[in-house]
N, C-alpha and C. Protein backbone atom coordinates (compact mmCIF):
# COMPACT_ATOMS: atom_id res chain seq x y z
N MET A 1 0.85 -1.17 0.00
CA MET A 1 0.00 0.00 0.00
C MET A 1 0.90 1.24 0.00
N THR A 2 0.60 2.15 -0.87
CA THR A 2 1.39 3.38 -0.96
C THR A 2 0.97 4.36 0.13
N PRO A 3 1.78 5.36 0.43
CA PRO A 3 1.40 6.35 1.42
C PRO A 3 0.12 7.10 1.06
N VAL A 4 -0.10 7.33 -0.21
CA VAL A 4 -1.32 8.02 -0.64
C VAL A 4 -2.54 7.14 -0.35
N GLU A 5 -2.44 5.85 -0.65
CA GLU A 5 -3.55 4.94 -0.37
C GLU A 5 -3.78 4.80 1.13
N ALA A 6 -2.70 4.81 1.92
CA ALA A 6 -2.82 4.66 3.37
C ALA A 6 -3.49 5.86 4.01
N SER A 7 -3.37 7.03 3.41
CA SER A 7 -3.98 8.22 4.00
C SER A 7 -5.46 8.36 3.66
N LYS A 8 -6.00 7.50 2.82
CA LYS A 8 -7.42 7.56 2.49
C LYS A 8 -8.26 7.07 3.66
N GLN A 9 -9.43 7.66 3.82
CA GLN A 9 -10.32 7.36 4.94
C GLN A 9 -10.77 5.90 4.95
N GLU A 10 -11.06 5.32 3.79
CA GLU A 10 -11.57 3.94 3.76
C GLU A 10 -10.51 2.90 4.14
N ASN A 11 -9.23 3.27 4.07
CA ASN A 11 -8.15 2.34 4.43
C ASN A 11 -7.68 2.51 5.87
N GLU A 12 -8.30 3.41 6.61
CA GLU A 12 -7.87 3.69 7.98
C GLU A 12 -7.90 2.45 8.88
N PRO A 13 -8.97 1.64 8.90
CA PRO A 13 -8.95 0.45 9.77
C PRO A 13 -7.84 -0.53 9.42
N LEU A 14 -7.56 -0.70 8.15
CA LEU A 14 -6.50 -1.61 7.72
C LEU A 14 -5.12 -1.12 8.16
N VAL A 15 -4.89 0.18 8.03
CA VAL A 15 -3.61 0.76 8.44
C VAL A 15 -3.46 0.66 9.95
N TYR A 16 -4.51 0.95 10.70
CA TYR A 16 -4.47 0.88 12.16
C TYR A 16 -4.16 -0.54 12.62
N LYS A 17 -4.83 -1.51 12.00
CA LYS A 17 -4.62 -2.91 12.37
C LYS A 17 -3.19 -3.34 12.06
N ASN A 18 -2.61 -2.83 10.99
CA ASN A 18 -1.24 -3.17 10.62
C ASN A 18 -0.23 -2.54 11.58
N LEU A 19 -0.49 -1.32 12.03
CA LEU A 19 0.44 -0.62 12.91
C LEU A 19 0.36 -1.10 14.35
N TYR A 20 -0.84 -1.39 14.84
CA TYR A 20 -1.06 -1.73 16.24
C TYR A 20 -1.60 -3.14 16.34
N LYS A 21 -0.75 -4.10 16.13
CA LYS A 21 -1.14 -5.51 16.17
C LYS A 21 -1.39 -5.94 17.60
N GLU A 22 -2.19 -6.99 17.74
CA GLU A 22 -2.45 -7.54 19.06
C GLU A 22 -1.19 -8.21 19.58
N LYS A 23 -0.94 -8.05 20.88
CA LYS A 23 0.24 -8.66 21.48
C LYS A 23 0.01 -10.16 21.66
N VAL A 24 1.04 -10.92 21.39
CA VAL A 24 0.97 -12.37 21.55
C VAL A 24 1.32 -12.69 23.00
N ILE A 25 0.42 -13.36 23.69
CA ILE A 25 0.66 -13.74 25.08
C ILE A 25 1.36 -15.09 25.08
N ARG A 26 2.54 -15.12 25.64
CA ARG A 26 3.33 -16.34 25.68
C ARG A 26 3.24 -17.00 27.04
N LYS A 27 3.25 -18.31 27.05
CA LYS A 27 3.24 -19.05 28.30
C LYS A 27 4.67 -19.12 28.84
N PRO A 28 4.83 -19.00 30.16
CA PRO A 28 6.17 -19.11 30.72
C PRO A 28 6.73 -20.52 30.55
N LYS A 29 8.02 -20.61 30.36
CA LYS A 29 8.68 -21.89 30.15
C LYS A 29 8.81 -22.67 31.46
N PHE A 30 8.99 -21.95 32.57
CA PHE A 30 9.18 -22.57 33.87
C PHE A 30 8.06 -22.15 34.82
N LYS A 31 7.80 -22.99 35.82
CA LYS A 31 6.79 -22.70 36.84
C LYS A 31 7.49 -22.40 38.16
N ILE A 32 6.75 -21.82 39.10
CA ILE A 32 7.29 -21.54 40.43
C ILE A 32 7.65 -22.87 41.08
N GLY A 33 8.85 -22.94 41.64
CA GLY A 33 9.31 -24.16 42.28
C GLY A 33 10.21 -25.01 41.41
N ASP A 34 10.28 -24.73 40.11
CA ASP A 34 11.17 -25.48 39.22
C ASP A 34 12.62 -25.18 39.57
N THR A 35 13.49 -26.17 39.42
CA THR A 35 14.91 -25.96 39.66
C THR A 35 15.60 -25.71 38.32
N VAL A 36 16.48 -24.72 38.32
CA VAL A 36 17.17 -24.31 37.09
C VAL A 36 18.63 -24.00 37.39
N ARG A 37 19.42 -23.90 36.34
CA ARG A 37 20.79 -23.40 36.41
C ARG A 37 20.85 -22.16 35.53
N THR A 38 21.73 -21.24 35.84
CA THR A 38 21.88 -20.05 35.01
C THR A 38 23.07 -20.22 34.08
N SER A 39 23.06 -19.52 32.97
CA SER A 39 24.17 -19.62 32.01
C SER A 39 25.31 -18.72 32.45
N LYS A 40 26.51 -19.17 32.15
CA LYS A 40 27.71 -18.39 32.46
C LYS A 40 27.98 -17.42 31.32
N PHE A 41 28.61 -16.32 31.65
CA PHE A 41 29.03 -15.37 30.63
C PHE A 41 30.26 -15.93 29.93
N LYS A 42 30.20 -16.03 28.61
CA LYS A 42 31.33 -16.57 27.85
C LYS A 42 32.24 -15.44 27.38
N THR A 43 33.52 -15.69 27.48
CA THR A 43 34.50 -14.73 26.99
C THR A 43 35.01 -15.20 25.63
N LYS A 44 35.80 -14.38 24.99
CA LYS A 44 36.31 -14.71 23.66
C LYS A 44 37.16 -15.97 23.66
N PHE A 45 37.97 -16.14 24.67
CA PHE A 45 38.94 -17.22 24.67
C PHE A 45 38.49 -18.42 25.49
N MET A 46 37.22 -18.51 25.81
CA MET A 46 36.69 -19.65 26.55
C MET A 46 36.62 -20.86 25.63
N ARG A 47 37.05 -21.99 26.12
CA ARG A 47 37.08 -23.21 25.32
C ARG A 47 35.68 -23.81 25.18
N GLY A 48 35.44 -24.51 24.09
CA GLY A 48 34.14 -25.10 23.82
C GLY A 48 33.77 -26.21 24.78
N TYR A 49 34.76 -26.85 25.39
CA TYR A 49 34.48 -27.95 26.31
C TYR A 49 34.25 -27.46 27.74
N ASP A 50 34.45 -26.17 28.00
CA ASP A 50 34.16 -25.61 29.32
C ASP A 50 32.66 -25.58 29.54
N PRO A 51 32.20 -25.82 30.78
CA PRO A 51 30.75 -25.79 31.04
C PRO A 51 30.17 -24.40 30.79
N THR A 52 28.97 -24.36 30.24
CA THR A 52 28.33 -23.07 29.93
C THR A 52 27.27 -22.69 30.96
N PHE A 53 26.98 -23.58 31.91
CA PHE A 53 26.01 -23.28 32.95
C PHE A 53 26.67 -23.40 34.32
N THR A 54 26.12 -22.69 35.31
CA THR A 54 26.68 -22.73 36.66
C THR A 54 26.43 -24.09 37.28
N GLU A 55 27.26 -24.43 38.27
CA GLU A 55 27.06 -25.69 38.97
C GLU A 55 26.00 -25.54 40.05
N GLU A 56 25.76 -24.31 40.50
CA GLU A 56 24.76 -24.07 41.54
C GLU A 56 23.36 -24.17 40.95
N ILE A 57 22.45 -24.75 41.73
CA ILE A 57 21.07 -24.93 41.30
C ILE A 57 20.20 -23.89 42.00
N PHE A 58 19.27 -23.30 41.27
CA PHE A 58 18.37 -22.28 41.79
C PHE A 58 16.93 -22.73 41.65
N LYS A 59 16.04 -22.10 42.43
CA LYS A 59 14.60 -22.35 42.34
C LYS A 59 13.91 -21.10 41.82
N ILE A 60 12.91 -21.28 40.97
CA ILE A 60 12.10 -20.16 40.49
C ILE A 60 11.19 -19.74 41.64
N SER A 61 11.27 -18.45 42.04
CA SER A 61 10.42 -17.97 43.13
C SER A 61 9.26 -17.12 42.63
N GLU A 62 9.42 -16.52 41.44
CA GLU A 62 8.35 -15.68 40.90
C GLU A 62 8.50 -15.59 39.39
N VAL A 63 7.35 -15.59 38.71
CA VAL A 63 7.33 -15.43 37.25
C VAL A 63 6.80 -14.04 36.96
N LEU A 64 7.59 -13.22 36.26
CA LEU A 64 7.19 -11.85 35.93
C LEU A 64 6.68 -11.82 34.50
N LYS A 65 5.47 -11.33 34.31
CA LYS A 65 4.83 -11.31 32.98
C LYS A 65 5.28 -10.08 32.20
N THR A 66 6.56 -10.00 31.92
CA THR A 66 7.11 -8.90 31.13
C THR A 66 7.36 -9.40 29.72
N ASP A 67 7.89 -8.55 28.87
CA ASP A 67 8.23 -8.97 27.52
C ASP A 67 9.72 -8.75 27.31
N PRO A 68 10.55 -9.75 27.34
CA PRO A 68 10.28 -11.18 27.46
C PRO A 68 9.98 -11.58 28.90
N ILE A 69 9.44 -12.78 29.08
CA ILE A 69 9.10 -13.28 30.41
C ILE A 69 10.39 -13.42 31.21
N THR A 70 10.38 -12.91 32.45
CA THR A 70 11.55 -13.00 33.32
C THR A 70 11.17 -13.70 34.61
N TYR A 71 12.19 -14.14 35.34
CA TYR A 71 11.97 -14.92 36.55
C TYR A 71 12.80 -14.36 37.68
N LYS A 72 12.27 -14.47 38.91
CA LYS A 72 13.06 -14.20 40.11
C LYS A 72 13.47 -15.56 40.64
N ILE A 73 14.73 -15.67 41.05
CA ILE A 73 15.23 -16.96 41.51
C ILE A 73 15.78 -16.86 42.92
N LYS A 74 15.77 -18.00 43.61
CA LYS A 74 16.36 -18.14 44.94
C LYS A 74 17.29 -19.34 44.89
N ASP A 75 18.33 -19.29 45.73
CA ASP A 75 19.17 -20.47 45.81
C ASP A 75 18.48 -21.49 46.72
N LEU A 76 19.10 -22.64 46.92
CA LEU A 76 18.45 -23.70 47.70
C LEU A 76 18.38 -23.37 49.18
N ASN A 77 19.08 -22.32 49.64
CA ASN A 77 18.98 -21.85 51.03
C ASN A 77 17.91 -20.78 51.18
N GLU A 78 17.08 -20.60 50.15
CA GLU A 78 15.97 -19.63 50.13
C GLU A 78 16.44 -18.18 50.18
N GLU A 79 17.66 -17.90 49.71
CA GLU A 79 18.16 -16.53 49.64
C GLU A 79 17.89 -15.98 48.25
N GLU A 80 17.28 -14.80 48.19
CA GLU A 80 16.93 -14.16 46.91
C GLU A 80 18.20 -13.77 46.15
N ILE A 81 18.24 -14.06 44.86
CA ILE A 81 19.37 -13.71 44.00
C ILE A 81 19.02 -12.42 43.27
N LYS A 82 19.93 -11.46 43.29
CA LYS A 82 19.66 -10.18 42.62
C LYS A 82 20.47 -10.06 41.38
């Protein structure tokens, strides 16, 4: 659609629908109480055989409905991780 066609009154609903699409609601991958590991930050010279996740295990304490979905985690001693 050209800009001239888009500015016509009869095409207004189509243009609005194209610009302001409905947000897709995604389901969280993890639930509260699930145990997870976090990924390590990789440097340039890190070897491919080095572990990419932490050895410490965490629990999901809260699921935040943001975009993207984020999680609050606690360690196994119930201490909040910031």
